[in-house]
């Protein structure tokens, strides 16, 4: 039997869905317009910057971003062309590759991070009270925990 949403639940769902779609689009557009970096590249650089030795396996990048390996490979190719990462063979697996953040990549991330954070603040954080931020964190963690239990296990590494 289908459990339909009541009016309040439907409003909560619809506003959440539209708000987060628009929020994501705005933050991605600000990053692209201001520093010329697609959000996918920014996300990969952040993951690498937080990883031990600034290094992750390609398969880990795909898992962390919930992306197909071909999509990650394409993005890493572009990052490599820019000089922001380099690939190395993974000693434990002849077919495996590591992605290593270069000094140039760390500098590019350092240049992009302020604009990204300005957009996050302007379009989300500064609109909310401290209590709302705490509520948002709690709600988001509840949803995230549920979704991660439904998905494949996450790799160890940055959070």
N, C-alpha and C. Protein backbone atom coordinates (compact mmCIF):
# COMPACT_ATOMS: atom_id res chain seq x y z
N UNK A 1 0.84 -1.19 0.00
CA UNK A 1 0.00 0.00 0.00
C UNK A 1 0.88 1.25 0.00
N UNK A 2 0.61 2.17 -0.87
CA UNK A 2 1.39 3.39 -0.99
C UNK A 2 1.04 4.34 0.15
N UNK A 3 2.10 4.82 0.82
CA UNK A 3 1.91 5.82 1.88
C UNK A 3 2.15 7.19 1.25
N UNK A 4 1.07 7.87 0.84
CA UNK A 4 1.18 9.18 0.22
C UNK A 4 1.66 10.20 1.22
N UNK A 5 2.32 11.22 0.72
CA UNK A 5 2.76 12.33 1.57
C UNK A 5 1.59 13.23 1.88
N UNK A 6 1.53 13.65 3.15
CA UNK A 6 0.51 14.65 3.47
C UNK A 6 1.01 16.01 2.97
N UNK A 7 0.21 17.05 3.11
CA UNK A 7 0.56 18.35 2.54
C UNK A 7 1.88 18.89 3.10
N UNK A 8 2.08 18.77 4.40
CA UNK A 8 3.31 19.27 5.02
C UNK A 8 4.52 18.46 4.54
N UNK A 9 4.41 17.15 4.47
CA UNK A 9 5.50 16.30 4.01
C UNK A 9 5.83 16.59 2.54
N UNK A 10 4.79 16.77 1.72
CA UNK A 10 4.99 17.07 0.30
C UNK A 10 5.70 18.42 0.13
N UNK A 11 5.29 19.39 0.91
CA UNK A 11 5.94 20.70 0.84
C UNK A 11 7.40 20.59 1.28
N UNK A 12 7.66 19.87 2.34
CA UNK A 12 9.04 19.69 2.82
C UNK A 12 9.90 19.00 1.76
N UNK A 13 9.36 17.94 1.15
CA UNK A 13 10.10 17.22 0.12
C UNK A 13 10.39 18.10 -1.08
N UNK A 14 9.36 18.77 -1.58
CA UNK A 14 9.54 19.57 -2.79
C UNK A 14 10.48 20.76 -2.57
N UNK A 15 10.33 21.43 -1.47
CA UNK A 15 11.22 22.58 -1.24
C UNK A 15 12.66 22.12 -1.01
N UNK A 16 12.84 21.00 -0.33
CA UNK A 16 14.19 20.47 -0.13
C UNK A 16 14.82 20.10 -1.47
N UNK A 17 14.07 19.38 -2.29
CA UNK A 17 14.59 18.93 -3.58
C UNK A 17 14.99 20.12 -4.45
N UNK A 18 14.10 21.10 -4.58
CA UNK A 18 14.39 22.25 -5.44
C UNK A 18 15.49 23.11 -4.83
N UNK A 19 15.44 23.34 -3.52
CA UNK A 19 16.45 24.19 -2.88
C UNK A 19 17.85 23.61 -3.04
N UNK A 20 17.99 22.31 -2.84
CA UNK A 20 19.34 21.75 -2.93
C UNK A 20 19.81 21.61 -4.37
N UNK A 21 18.91 21.42 -5.29
CA UNK A 21 19.30 21.41 -6.70
C UNK A 21 19.80 22.81 -7.09
N UNK A 22 19.04 23.84 -6.72
CA UNK A 22 19.44 25.21 -7.05
C UNK A 22 20.71 25.62 -6.30
N UNK A 23 20.84 25.19 -5.04
CA UNK A 23 22.03 25.49 -4.26
C UNK A 23 23.27 24.87 -4.91
N UNK A 24 23.18 23.62 -5.27
CA UNK A 24 24.30 22.94 -5.91
C UNK A 24 24.66 23.63 -7.23
N UNK A 25 23.65 23.94 -8.03
CA UNK A 25 23.89 24.62 -9.29
C UNK A 25 24.58 25.97 -9.08
N UNK A 26 24.11 26.74 -8.10
CA UNK A 26 24.69 28.06 -7.84
C UNK A 26 26.14 27.95 -7.41
N UNK A 27 26.43 27.05 -6.48
CA UNK A 27 27.80 26.92 -5.99
C UNK A 27 28.72 26.44 -7.11
N UNK A 28 28.26 25.50 -7.91
CA UNK A 28 29.05 25.02 -9.04
C UNK A 28 29.28 26.13 -10.07
N UNK A 29 28.24 26.91 -10.36
CA UNK A 29 28.37 27.99 -11.33
C UNK A 29 29.33 29.06 -10.82
N UNK A 30 29.23 29.41 -9.53
CA UNK A 30 30.14 30.40 -8.96
C UNK A 30 31.59 29.94 -9.07
N UNK A 31 31.85 28.69 -8.78
CA UNK A 31 33.20 28.14 -8.86
C UNK A 31 33.71 28.18 -10.30
N UNK A 32 32.87 27.77 -11.23
CA UNK A 32 33.26 27.77 -12.65
C UNK A 32 33.48 29.20 -13.15
N UNK A 33 32.55 30.10 -12.84
CA UNK A 33 32.64 31.47 -13.34
C UNK A 33 33.82 32.23 -12.74
N UNK A 34 34.07 32.03 -11.46
CA UNK A 34 35.10 32.82 -10.78
C UNK A 34 36.51 32.27 -10.95
N UNK A 35 36.66 30.95 -10.95
CA UNK A 35 38.02 30.39 -11.02
C UNK A 35 38.19 29.41 -12.17
N UNK A 36 37.14 29.20 -12.97
CA UNK A 36 37.25 28.34 -14.13
C UNK A 36 37.46 26.87 -13.81
N UNK A 37 36.97 26.45 -12.66
CA UNK A 37 37.16 25.06 -12.25
C UNK A 37 35.81 24.37 -12.11
N UNK A 38 35.60 23.30 -12.85
CA UNK A 38 34.36 22.54 -12.66
C UNK A 38 34.29 21.95 -11.25
N UNK A 39 33.10 21.81 -10.74
CA UNK A 39 32.91 21.29 -9.38
C UNK A 39 33.50 19.89 -9.22
N UNK A 40 33.43 19.08 -10.25
CA UNK A 40 33.99 17.73 -10.17
C UNK A 40 35.48 17.79 -9.91
N UNK A 41 36.18 18.68 -10.57
CA UNK A 41 37.63 18.80 -10.37
C UNK A 41 37.92 19.29 -8.96
N UNK A 42 37.13 20.25 -8.49
CA UNK A 42 37.31 20.76 -7.14
C UNK A 42 37.14 19.64 -6.13
N UNK A 43 36.08 18.85 -6.31
CA UNK A 43 35.82 17.74 -5.39
C UNK A 43 36.97 16.74 -5.37
N UNK A 44 37.51 16.42 -6.54
CA UNK A 44 38.63 15.48 -6.60
C UNK A 44 39.87 16.06 -5.93
N UNK A 45 40.15 17.33 -6.16
CA UNK A 45 41.30 17.96 -5.52
C UNK A 45 41.15 18.00 -4.01
N UNK A 46 39.94 18.26 -3.52
CA UNK A 46 39.70 18.25 -2.07
C UNK A 46 39.95 16.86 -1.50
N UNK A 47 39.40 15.83 -2.14
CA UNK A 47 39.60 14.46 -1.67
C UNK A 47 41.09 14.11 -1.62
N UNK A 48 41.82 14.47 -2.66
CA UNK A 48 43.26 14.19 -2.68
C UNK A 48 44.01 14.99 -1.63
N UNK A 49 43.60 16.23 -1.40
CA UNK A 49 44.29 17.07 -0.41
C UNK A 49 44.12 16.52 1.00
N UNK A 50 43.02 15.81 1.25
CA UNK A 50 42.75 15.27 2.58
C UNK A 50 43.26 13.84 2.77
N UNK A 51 43.70 13.21 1.68
CA UNK A 51 44.15 11.83 1.74
C UNK A 51 45.61 11.76 2.24
N UNK A 52 45.96 10.65 2.88
CA UNK A 52 47.37 10.48 3.28
C UNK A 52 48.28 10.58 2.06
N UNK A 53 49.34 11.35 2.20
CA UNK A 53 50.31 11.58 1.12
C UNK A 53 49.66 12.18 -0.13
N UNK A 54 48.47 12.77 0.02
CA UNK A 54 47.75 13.38 -1.10
C UNK A 54 47.57 12.39 -2.24
N UNK A 55 47.30 11.13 -1.89
CA UNK A 55 47.23 10.06 -2.88
C UNK A 55 46.03 9.16 -2.62
N UNK A 56 45.30 8.83 -3.70
CA UNK A 56 44.21 7.86 -3.63
C UNK A 56 44.24 6.99 -4.88
N UNK A 57 43.76 5.78 -4.73
CA UNK A 57 43.59 4.92 -5.90
C UNK A 57 42.45 5.49 -6.74
N UNK A 58 42.53 5.26 -8.05
CA UNK A 58 41.47 5.71 -8.94
C UNK A 58 40.13 5.12 -8.51
N UNK A 59 40.14 3.86 -8.10
CA UNK A 59 38.90 3.21 -7.67
C UNK A 59 38.32 3.87 -6.43
N UNK A 60 39.19 4.36 -5.55
CA UNK A 60 38.71 5.07 -4.37
C UNK A 60 38.06 6.40 -4.74
N UNK A 61 38.67 7.11 -5.68
CA UNK A 61 38.06 8.36 -6.15
C UNK A 61 36.67 8.10 -6.72
N UNK A 62 36.54 7.03 -7.48
CA UNK A 62 35.23 6.68 -8.05
C UNK A 62 34.23 6.37 -6.94
N UNK A 63 34.67 5.62 -5.93
CA UNK A 63 33.76 5.29 -4.82
C UNK A 63 33.36 6.53 -4.04
N UNK A 64 34.34 7.37 -3.71
CA UNK A 64 34.05 8.57 -2.91
C UNK A 64 33.12 9.53 -3.60
N UNK A 65 33.21 9.59 -4.92
CA UNK A 65 32.38 10.53 -5.67
C UNK A 65 31.13 9.87 -6.23
N UNK A 66 30.96 8.58 -5.97
CA UNK A 66 29.84 7.81 -6.51
C UNK A 66 29.76 7.99 -8.03
N UNK A 67 30.94 7.89 -8.66
CA UNK A 67 31.05 8.07 -10.11
C UNK A 67 31.54 6.78 -10.76
N UNK A 68 31.27 6.67 -12.02
CA UNK A 68 31.78 5.54 -12.78
C UNK A 68 33.28 5.72 -13.00
N UNK A 69 34.02 4.62 -13.01
CA UNK A 69 35.47 4.74 -13.23
C UNK A 69 35.83 5.49 -14.51
N UNK A 70 35.05 5.34 -15.57
CA UNK A 70 35.35 6.04 -16.82
C UNK A 70 35.24 7.56 -16.65
N UNK A 71 34.26 7.99 -15.85
CA UNK A 71 34.09 9.42 -15.61
C UNK A 71 35.27 9.97 -14.80
N UNK A 72 35.69 9.21 -13.79
CA UNK A 72 36.83 9.63 -12.98
C UNK A 72 38.10 9.65 -13.83
N UNK A 73 38.26 8.64 -14.67
CA UNK A 73 39.43 8.58 -15.54
C UNK A 73 39.50 9.81 -16.45
N UNK A 74 38.36 10.18 -17.00
CA UNK A 74 38.31 11.37 -17.86
C UNK A 74 38.69 12.62 -17.07
N UNK A 75 38.12 12.77 -15.88
CA UNK A 75 38.42 13.95 -15.05
C UNK A 75 39.89 13.97 -14.64
N UNK A 76 40.43 12.82 -14.27
CA UNK A 76 41.84 12.76 -13.88
C UNK A 76 42.73 13.08 -15.08
N UNK A 77 42.34 12.65 -16.27
CA UNK A 77 43.10 13.02 -17.48
C UNK A 77 43.19 14.54 -17.60
N UNK A 78 42.06 15.22 -17.39
CA UNK A 78 42.04 16.69 -17.50
C UNK A 78 42.89 17.33 -16.39
N UNK A 79 42.78 16.78 -15.18
CA UNK A 79 43.59 17.30 -14.07
C UNK A 79 45.08 17.08 -14.33
N UNK A 80 45.40 15.94 -14.93
CA UNK A 80 46.79 15.64 -15.26
C UNK A 80 47.30 16.60 -16.33
N UNK A 81 46.47 16.89 -17.35
CA UNK A 81 46.85 17.85 -18.40
C UNK A 81 47.13 19.23 -17.81
N UNK A 82 46.38 19.59 -16.77
CA UNK A 82 46.57 20.88 -16.12
C UNK A 82 47.79 20.88 -15.19
N UNK A 83 48.34 19.69 -14.93
CA UNK A 83 49.49 19.59 -14.03
C UNK A 83 49.10 19.52 -12.57
N UNK A 84 47.82 19.30 -12.29
CA UNK A 84 47.33 19.31 -10.92
C UNK A 84 47.43 17.95 -10.23
N UNK A 85 47.52 16.89 -11.00
CA UNK A 85 47.72 15.54 -10.46
C UNK A 85 48.69 14.80 -11.36
N UNK A 86 49.20 13.70 -10.85
CA UNK A 86 49.95 12.77 -11.68
C UNK A 86 49.49 11.36 -11.31
N UNK A 87 49.64 10.46 -12.25
CA UNK A 87 49.27 9.06 -12.01
C UNK A 87 50.53 8.25 -11.76
N UNK A 88 50.39 7.29 -10.87
CA UNK A 88 51.48 6.36 -10.59
C UNK A 88 50.89 4.96 -10.53
N UNK A 89 51.71 3.99 -10.92
CA UNK A 89 51.26 2.60 -10.79
C UNK A 89 51.14 2.26 -9.32
N UNK A 90 50.12 1.50 -9.00
CA UNK A 90 49.92 1.02 -7.63
C UNK A 90 50.72 -0.27 -7.48
N UNK A 91 51.68 -0.28 -6.57
CA UNK A 91 52.60 -1.41 -6.43
C UNK A 91 51.87 -2.71 -6.10
N UNK A 92 50.75 -2.63 -5.40
CA UNK A 92 50.03 -3.83 -4.99
C UNK A 92 49.13 -4.43 -6.05
N UNK A 93 49.01 -3.76 -7.21
CA UNK A 93 48.07 -4.23 -8.23
C UNK A 93 48.58 -3.73 -9.59
N UNK A 94 48.95 -4.65 -10.47
CA UNK A 94 49.50 -4.26 -11.77
C UNK A 94 48.53 -3.41 -12.58
N UNK A 95 47.23 -3.63 -12.39
CA UNK A 95 46.24 -2.87 -13.15
C UNK A 95 45.80 -1.60 -12.43
N UNK A 96 46.19 -1.47 -11.17
CA UNK A 96 45.73 -0.34 -10.37
C UNK A 96 46.58 0.91 -10.57
N UNK A 97 45.93 2.05 -10.44
CA UNK A 97 46.60 3.34 -10.57
C UNK A 97 46.31 4.20 -9.36
N UNK A 98 47.30 4.97 -8.99
CA UNK A 98 47.15 5.97 -7.94
C UNK A 98 47.07 7.34 -8.60
N UNK A 99 46.32 8.22 -7.97
CA UNK A 99 46.28 9.62 -8.37
C UNK A 99 46.92 10.42 -7.25
N UNK A 100 47.91 11.23 -7.59
CA UNK A 100 48.68 11.98 -6.61
C UNK A 100 48.50 13.46 -6.89
N UNK A 101 48.12 14.21 -5.87
CA UNK A 101 47.99 15.66 -5.98
C UNK A 101 49.37 16.29 -6.07
N UNK A 102 49.59 17.13 -7.06
CA UNK A 102 50.88 17.83 -7.22
C UNK A 102 50.85 19.14 -6.43
N UNK A 103 52.01 19.75 -6.31
CA UNK A 103 52.08 21.07 -5.67
C UNK A 103 51.24 22.08 -6.44
N UNK A 104 51.24 21.96 -7.77
CA UNK A 104 50.43 22.85 -8.60
C UNK A 104 48.95 22.64 -8.34
N UNK A 105 48.56 21.39 -8.14
CA UNK A 105 47.16 21.07 -7.82
C UNK A 105 46.76 21.62 -6.47
N UNK A 106 47.66 21.52 -5.51
CA UNK A 106 47.37 22.06 -4.18
C UNK A 106 47.24 23.58 -4.25
N UNK A 107 48.07 24.21 -5.07
CA UNK A 107 47.97 25.67 -5.25
C UNK A 107 46.67 26.04 -5.95
N UNK A 108 46.25 25.26 -6.95
CA UNK A 108 44.98 25.54 -7.64
C UNK A 108 43.81 25.39 -6.68
N UNK A 109 43.87 24.38 -5.85
CA UNK A 109 42.82 24.19 -4.84
C UNK A 109 42.82 25.37 -3.86
N UNK A 110 43.99 25.79 -3.45
CA UNK A 110 44.10 26.94 -2.55
C UNK A 110 43.53 28.21 -3.14
N UNK A 111 43.67 28.36 -4.45
CA UNK A 111 43.12 29.54 -5.13
C UNK A 111 41.61 29.44 -5.28
N UNK A 112 41.09 28.23 -5.47
CA UNK A 112 39.65 28.03 -5.68
C UNK A 112 38.86 28.00 -4.37
N UNK A 113 39.47 27.51 -3.31
CA UNK A 113 38.75 27.31 -2.05
C UNK A 113 38.08 28.58 -1.51
N UNK A 114 38.75 29.73 -1.51
CA UNK A 114 38.07 30.93 -0.98
C UNK A 114 36.77 31.25 -1.73
N UNK A 115 36.76 31.14 -3.05
CA UNK A 115 35.54 31.44 -3.81
C UNK A 115 34.46 30.42 -3.53
N UNK A 116 34.86 29.16 -3.44
CA UNK A 116 33.90 28.11 -3.10
C UNK A 116 33.27 28.38 -1.74
N UNK A 117 34.10 28.70 -0.76
CA UNK A 117 33.59 28.95 0.60
C UNK A 117 32.73 30.22 0.65
N UNK A 118 33.10 31.25 -0.12
CA UNK A 118 32.26 32.44 -0.18
C UNK A 118 30.87 32.09 -0.69
N UNK A 119 30.80 31.25 -1.70
CA UNK A 119 29.51 30.86 -2.27
C UNK A 119 28.71 30.01 -1.28
N UNK A 120 29.38 29.08 -0.62
CA UNK A 120 28.69 28.25 0.38
C UNK A 120 28.14 29.13 1.49
N UNK A 121 28.94 30.09 1.94
CA UNK A 121 28.47 30.99 3.01
C UNK A 121 27.29 31.85 2.52
N UNK A 122 27.46 32.47 1.36
CA UNK A 122 26.44 33.41 0.86
C UNK A 122 25.13 32.71 0.53
N UNK A 123 25.20 31.47 0.09
CA UNK A 123 24.00 30.79 -0.39
C UNK A 123 23.42 29.77 0.58
N UNK A 124 24.10 29.56 1.73
CA UNK A 124 23.56 28.62 2.71
C UNK A 124 23.87 29.04 4.14
N UNK A 125 25.12 28.99 4.52
CA UNK A 125 25.49 29.13 5.94
C UNK A 125 25.03 30.46 6.53
N UNK A 126 25.30 31.57 5.85
CA UNK A 126 24.96 32.88 6.41
C UNK A 126 23.46 33.18 6.40
N UNK A 127 22.68 32.35 5.72
CA UNK A 127 21.22 32.52 5.72
C UNK A 127 20.57 31.90 6.97
N UNK A 128 21.33 31.05 7.66
CA UNK A 128 20.77 30.25 8.75
C UNK A 128 21.27 30.73 10.11
N UNK A 129 20.45 30.47 11.11
CA UNK A 129 20.87 30.72 12.49
C UNK A 129 21.76 29.56 12.93
N UNK A 130 22.52 29.75 14.01
CA UNK A 130 23.32 28.62 14.51
C UNK A 130 22.46 27.39 14.82
N UNK A 131 21.26 27.61 15.31
CA UNK A 131 20.36 26.49 15.61
C UNK A 131 19.94 25.77 14.33
N UNK A 132 19.65 26.53 13.28
CA UNK A 132 19.28 25.92 12.00
C UNK A 132 20.44 25.15 11.38
N UNK A 133 21.65 25.68 11.55
CA UNK A 133 22.82 24.96 11.04
C UNK A 133 22.96 23.62 11.76
N UNK A 134 22.77 23.63 13.08
CA UNK A 134 22.84 22.38 13.85
C UNK A 134 21.75 21.41 13.39
N UNK A 135 20.54 21.92 13.17
CA UNK A 135 19.45 21.07 12.69
C UNK A 135 19.76 20.51 11.30
N UNK A 136 20.27 21.35 10.42
CA UNK A 136 20.62 20.91 9.07
C UNK A 136 21.68 19.81 9.14
N UNK A 137 22.67 19.98 9.99
CA UNK A 137 23.72 18.97 10.13
C UNK A 137 23.14 17.65 10.63
N UNK A 138 22.26 17.72 11.60
CA UNK A 138 21.64 16.51 12.14
C UNK A 138 20.78 15.81 11.10
N UNK A 139 19.95 16.58 10.41
CA UNK A 139 19.08 16.01 9.38
C UNK A 139 19.91 15.40 8.26
N UNK A 140 20.90 16.14 7.80
CA UNK A 140 21.74 15.65 6.70
C UNK A 140 22.49 14.38 7.10
N UNK A 141 22.98 14.33 8.34
CA UNK A 141 23.69 13.13 8.80
C UNK A 141 22.76 11.93 8.87
N UNK A 142 21.53 12.14 9.30
CA UNK A 142 20.55 11.04 9.35
C UNK A 142 20.29 10.48 7.95
N UNK A 143 20.08 11.37 6.99
CA UNK A 143 19.83 10.93 5.61
C UNK A 143 21.08 10.27 5.04
N UNK A 144 22.24 10.86 5.27
CA UNK A 144 23.49 10.30 4.76
C UNK A 144 23.74 8.91 5.33
N UNK A 145 23.57 8.75 6.63
CA UNK A 145 23.78 7.44 7.26
C UNK A 145 22.85 6.40 6.64
N UNK A 146 21.60 6.76 6.43
CA UNK A 146 20.64 5.84 5.81
C UNK A 146 21.08 5.45 4.40
N UNK A 147 21.45 6.44 3.60
CA UNK A 147 21.82 6.17 2.22
C UNK A 147 23.12 5.36 2.13
N UNK A 148 24.05 5.63 3.02
CA UNK A 148 25.31 4.88 2.99
C UNK A 148 25.10 3.43 3.39
N UNK A 149 24.15 3.17 4.27
CA UNK A 149 23.83 1.77 4.63
C UNK A 149 23.24 1.05 3.43
N UNK A 150 22.52 1.78 2.58
CA UNK A 150 21.90 1.19 1.40
C UNK A 150 22.90 0.94 0.28
N UNK A 151 23.98 1.74 0.25
CA UNK A 151 24.99 1.63 -0.81
C UNK A 151 26.08 0.65 -0.41
N UNK A 152 27.00 0.48 -1.34
CA UNK A 152 28.17 -0.36 -1.08
C UNK A 152 28.99 0.28 0.04
N UNK A 153 29.77 -0.52 0.75
CA UNK A 153 30.60 0.04 1.81
C UNK A 153 31.53 1.12 1.28
N UNK A 154 31.75 2.15 2.08
CA UNK A 154 32.63 3.24 1.68
C UNK A 154 34.07 2.83 1.92
N UNK A 155 34.96 3.33 1.11
CA UNK A 155 36.38 3.06 1.33
C UNK A 155 36.88 3.81 2.55
N UNK A 156 37.97 3.37 3.12
CA UNK A 156 38.58 4.12 4.21
C UNK A 156 39.27 5.32 3.59
N UNK A 157 39.35 6.40 4.31
CA UNK A 157 39.99 7.60 3.76
C UNK A 157 39.29 8.84 4.26
N UNK A 158 39.41 9.92 3.52
CA UNK A 158 38.84 11.18 3.99
C UNK A 158 37.32 11.11 4.11
N UNK A 159 36.81 11.90 5.03
CA UNK A 159 35.37 11.92 5.24
C UNK A 159 34.72 13.04 4.49
